[in-house]
């Protein structure tokens, strides 16, 4: 990983406007808003913790605040929460569905 690829805890991530999220029963989906049928293959399913993190990405909370919320909501220590949040943000950033981190 290059130094400029590092995600900083004081960064404030924002969801892409090209993605909508929907909770359907026990599933949480990220769906790209697109005009091409090929993008249907780009629907992503999130587990409960990833969905909580996604919903916390509001363009106002820092990554550090999101980690704190995760600790308060789930039975997890701050180190694990931070590692999980950063990993998910890296994946979401690579998919192009978040910015600002």
C-alpha atoms as a PDB file:
ATOM      1  CA  UNK A   1       0.000   0.000   0.000  1.00  0.00           C
ATOM      2  CA  UNK A   2       1.386   3.405  -0.967  1.00  0.00           C
ATOM      3  CA  UNK A   3       1.544   6.130   1.726  1.00  0.00           C
ATOM      4  CA  UNK A   4      -1.018   8.239  -0.141  1.00  0.00           C
ATOM      5  CA  UNK A   5      -3.408   5.262  -0.095  1.00  0.00           C
ATOM      6  CA  UNK A   6      -3.542   5.324   3.713  1.00  0.00           C
ATOM      7  CA  UNK A   7      -6.927   6.154   5.166  1.00  0.00           C
ATOM      8  CA  UNK A   8      -6.731   8.621   8.039  1.00  0.00           C
ATOM      9  CA  UNK A   9      -9.017   8.286  11.065  1.00  0.00           C
ATOM     10  CA  UNK A  10      -9.956  11.968  10.918  1.00  0.00           C
ATOM     11  CA  UNK A  11     -11.201  11.600   7.314  1.00  0.00           C
ATOM     12  CA  UNK A  12     -14.917  12.043   6.758  1.00  0.00           C
ATOM     13  CA  UNK A  13     -16.162   9.483   4.238  1.00  0.00           C
ATOM     14  CA  UNK A  14     -19.205  10.111   2.076  1.00  0.00           C
ATOM     15  CA  UNK A  15     -21.434   7.688   0.206  1.00  0.00           C
ATOM     16  CA  UNK A  16     -21.537   7.980  -3.566  1.00  0.00           C
ATOM     17  CA  UNK A  17     -24.687   9.508  -4.976  1.00  0.00           C
ATOM     18  CA  UNK A  18     -24.603   6.743  -7.611  1.00  0.00           C
ATOM     19  CA  UNK A  19     -25.515   4.073  -5.026  1.00  0.00           C
ATOM     20  CA  UNK A  20     -28.762   3.401  -3.219  1.00  0.00           C
ATOM     21  CA  UNK A  21     -29.065   1.115  -0.234  1.00  0.00           C
ATOM     22  CA  UNK A  22     -32.026  -1.020   0.684  1.00  0.00           C
ATOM     23  CA  UNK A  23     -32.792  -3.320   3.579  1.00  0.00           C
ATOM     24  CA  UNK A  24     -34.936  -6.230   2.426  1.00  0.00           C
ATOM     25  CA  UNK A  25     -35.828  -8.597   5.256  1.00  0.00           C
ATOM     26  CA  UNK A  26     -32.456  -9.704   6.661  1.00  0.00           C
ATOM     27  CA  UNK A  27     -30.441  -8.537   3.643  1.00  0.00           C
ATOM     28  CA  UNK A  28     -28.835  -5.143   3.148  1.00  0.00           C
ATOM     29  CA  UNK A  29     -28.097  -4.298  -0.477  1.00  0.00           C
ATOM     30  CA  UNK A  30     -26.054  -1.619  -2.228  1.00  0.00           C
ATOM     31  CA  UNK A  31     -27.396  -1.040  -5.713  1.00  0.00           C
ATOM     32  CA  UNK A  32     -25.743   1.171  -8.323  1.00  0.00           C
ATOM     33  CA  UNK A  33     -27.976   3.692 -10.039  1.00  0.00           C
ATOM     34  CA  UNK A  34     -27.215   3.162 -13.692  1.00  0.00           C
ATOM     35  CA  UNK A  35     -28.692   3.074 -17.102  1.00  0.00           C
ATOM     36  CA  UNK A  36     -26.958  -0.094 -18.292  1.00  0.00           C
ATOM     37  CA  UNK A  37     -28.151  -3.631 -17.694  1.00  0.00           C
ATOM     38  CA  UNK A  38     -24.563  -4.815 -17.140  1.00  0.00           C
ATOM     39  CA  UNK A  39     -24.413  -2.989 -13.829  1.00  0.00           C
ATOM     40  CA  UNK A  40     -26.970  -5.386 -12.340  1.00  0.00           C
ATOM     41  CA  UNK A  41     -23.956  -7.622 -11.642  1.00  0.00           C
ATOM     42  CA  UNK A  42     -22.720  -4.893  -9.301  1.00  0.00           C
ATOM     43  CA  UNK A  43     -25.284  -5.343  -6.534  1.00  0.00           C
ATOM     44  CA  UNK A  44     -23.515  -5.824  -3.200  1.00  0.00           C
ATOM     45  CA  UNK A  45     -24.840  -7.552  -0.093  1.00  0.00           C
ATOM     46  CA  UNK A  46     -23.610  -6.343   3.301  1.00  0.00           C
ATOM     47  CA  UNK A  47     -23.651  -8.207   6.589  1.00  0.00           C
ATOM     48  CA  UNK A  48     -25.082  -6.575   9.715  1.00  0.00           C
ATOM     49  CA  UNK A  49     -21.851  -4.885  10.786  1.00  0.00           C
ATOM     50  CA  UNK A  50     -20.972  -3.680   7.277  1.00  0.00           C
ATOM     51  CA  UNK A  51     -24.524  -2.312   6.921  1.00  0.00           C
ATOM     52  CA  UNK A  52     -24.141  -0.442  10.229  1.00  0.00           C
ATOM     53  CA  UNK A  53     -20.864   1.051   9.001  1.00  0.00           C
ATOM     54  CA  UNK A  54     -22.424   1.947   5.625  1.00  0.00           C
ATOM     55  CA  UNK A  55     -25.320   3.719   7.337  1.00  0.00           C
ATOM     56  CA  UNK A  56     -22.786   5.622   9.491  1.00  0.00           C
ATOM     57  CA  UNK A  57     -21.042   6.982   6.391  1.00  0.00           C
ATOM     58  CA  UNK A  58     -23.066  10.176   6.226  1.00  0.00           C
ATOM     59  CA  UNK A  59     -20.503  12.770   5.185  1.00  0.00           C
ATOM     60  CA  UNK A  60     -20.507  14.186   8.729  1.00  0.00           C
ATOM     61  CA  UNK A  61     -18.911  11.529  10.940  1.00  0.00           C
ATOM     62  CA  UNK A  62     -15.176  10.941  10.893  1.00  0.00           C
ATOM     63  CA  UNK A  63     -13.851   7.409  10.587  1.00  0.00           C
ATOM     64  CA  UNK A  64     -12.835   7.631  14.245  1.00  0.00           C
ATOM     65  CA  UNK A  65     -16.446   8.496  15.184  1.00  0.00           C
ATOM     66  CA  UNK A  66     -17.723   5.561  13.116  1.00  0.00           C
ATOM     67  CA  UNK A  67     -15.334   3.223  14.962  1.00  0.00           C
ATOM     68  CA  UNK A  68     -16.587   4.559  18.305  1.00  0.00           C
ATOM     69  CA  UNK A  69     -20.208   4.009  17.249  1.00  0.00           C
ATOM     70  CA  UNK A  70     -19.351   0.449  16.231  1.00  0.00           C
ATOM     71  CA  UNK A  71     -17.852  -0.251  19.687  1.00  0.00           C
ATOM     72  CA  UNK A  72     -20.956   1.195  21.359  1.00  0.00           C
ATOM     73  CA  UNK A  73     -23.359  -0.840  19.216  1.00  0.00           C
ATOM     74  CA  UNK A  74     -21.569  -4.211  19.038  1.00  0.00           C
ATOM     75  CA  UNK A  75     -19.494  -6.315  21.416  1.00  0.00           C
ATOM     76  CA  UNK A  76     -16.130  -5.376  19.897  1.00  0.00           C
ATOM     77  CA  UNK A  77     -12.984  -3.623  21.107  1.00  0.00           C
ATOM     78  CA  UNK A  78     -11.741  -0.399  19.504  1.00  0.00           C
ATOM     79  CA  UNK A  79      -8.766  -2.076  17.785  1.00  0.00           C
ATOM     80  CA  UNK A  80     -10.962  -4.656  16.067  1.00  0.00           C
ATOM     81  CA  UNK A  81     -13.566  -2.033  15.181  1.00  0.00           C
ATOM     82  CA  UNK A  82     -10.928   0.242  13.675  1.00  0.00           C
ATOM     83  CA  UNK A  83      -9.393  -2.589  11.656  1.00  0.00           C
ATOM     84  CA  UNK A  84     -12.816  -3.697  10.363  1.00  0.00           C
ATOM     85  CA  UNK A  85     -13.954  -0.164   9.486  1.00  0.00           C
ATOM     86  CA  UNK A  86     -10.719   0.618   7.643  1.00  0.00           C
ATOM     87  CA  UNK A  87     -10.851  -2.661   5.703  1.00  0.00           C
ATOM     88  CA  UNK A  88     -14.463  -2.102   4.650  1.00  0.00           C
ATOM     89  CA  UNK A  89     -13.697   1.496   3.661  1.00  0.00           C
ATOM     90  CA  UNK A  90     -10.779   0.303   1.514  1.00  0.00           C
ATOM     91  CA  UNK A  91     -13.086  -2.128  -0.257  1.00  0.00           C
ATOM     92  CA  UNK A  92     -15.847   0.463  -0.708  1.00  0.00           C
ATOM     93  CA  UNK A  93     -13.317   3.006  -1.953  1.00  0.00           C
ATOM     94  CA  UNK A  94     -11.957   0.465  -4.474  1.00  0.00           C
ATOM     95  CA  UNK A  95     -15.533  -0.118  -5.682  1.00  0.00           C
ATOM     96  CA  UNK A  96     -15.973   3.629  -6.062  1.00  0.00           C
ATOM     97  CA  UNK A  97     -18.963   3.833  -3.718  1.00  0.00           C
ATOM     98  CA  UNK A  98     -17.342   6.067  -1.066  1.00  0.00           C
ATOM     99  CA  UNK A  99     -15.153   9.140  -1.244  1.00  0.00           C
ATOM    100  CA  UNK A 100     -13.420  11.424   1.228  1.00  0.00           C
ATOM    101  CA  UNK A 101     -11.135   8.837   2.764  1.00  0.00           C
END
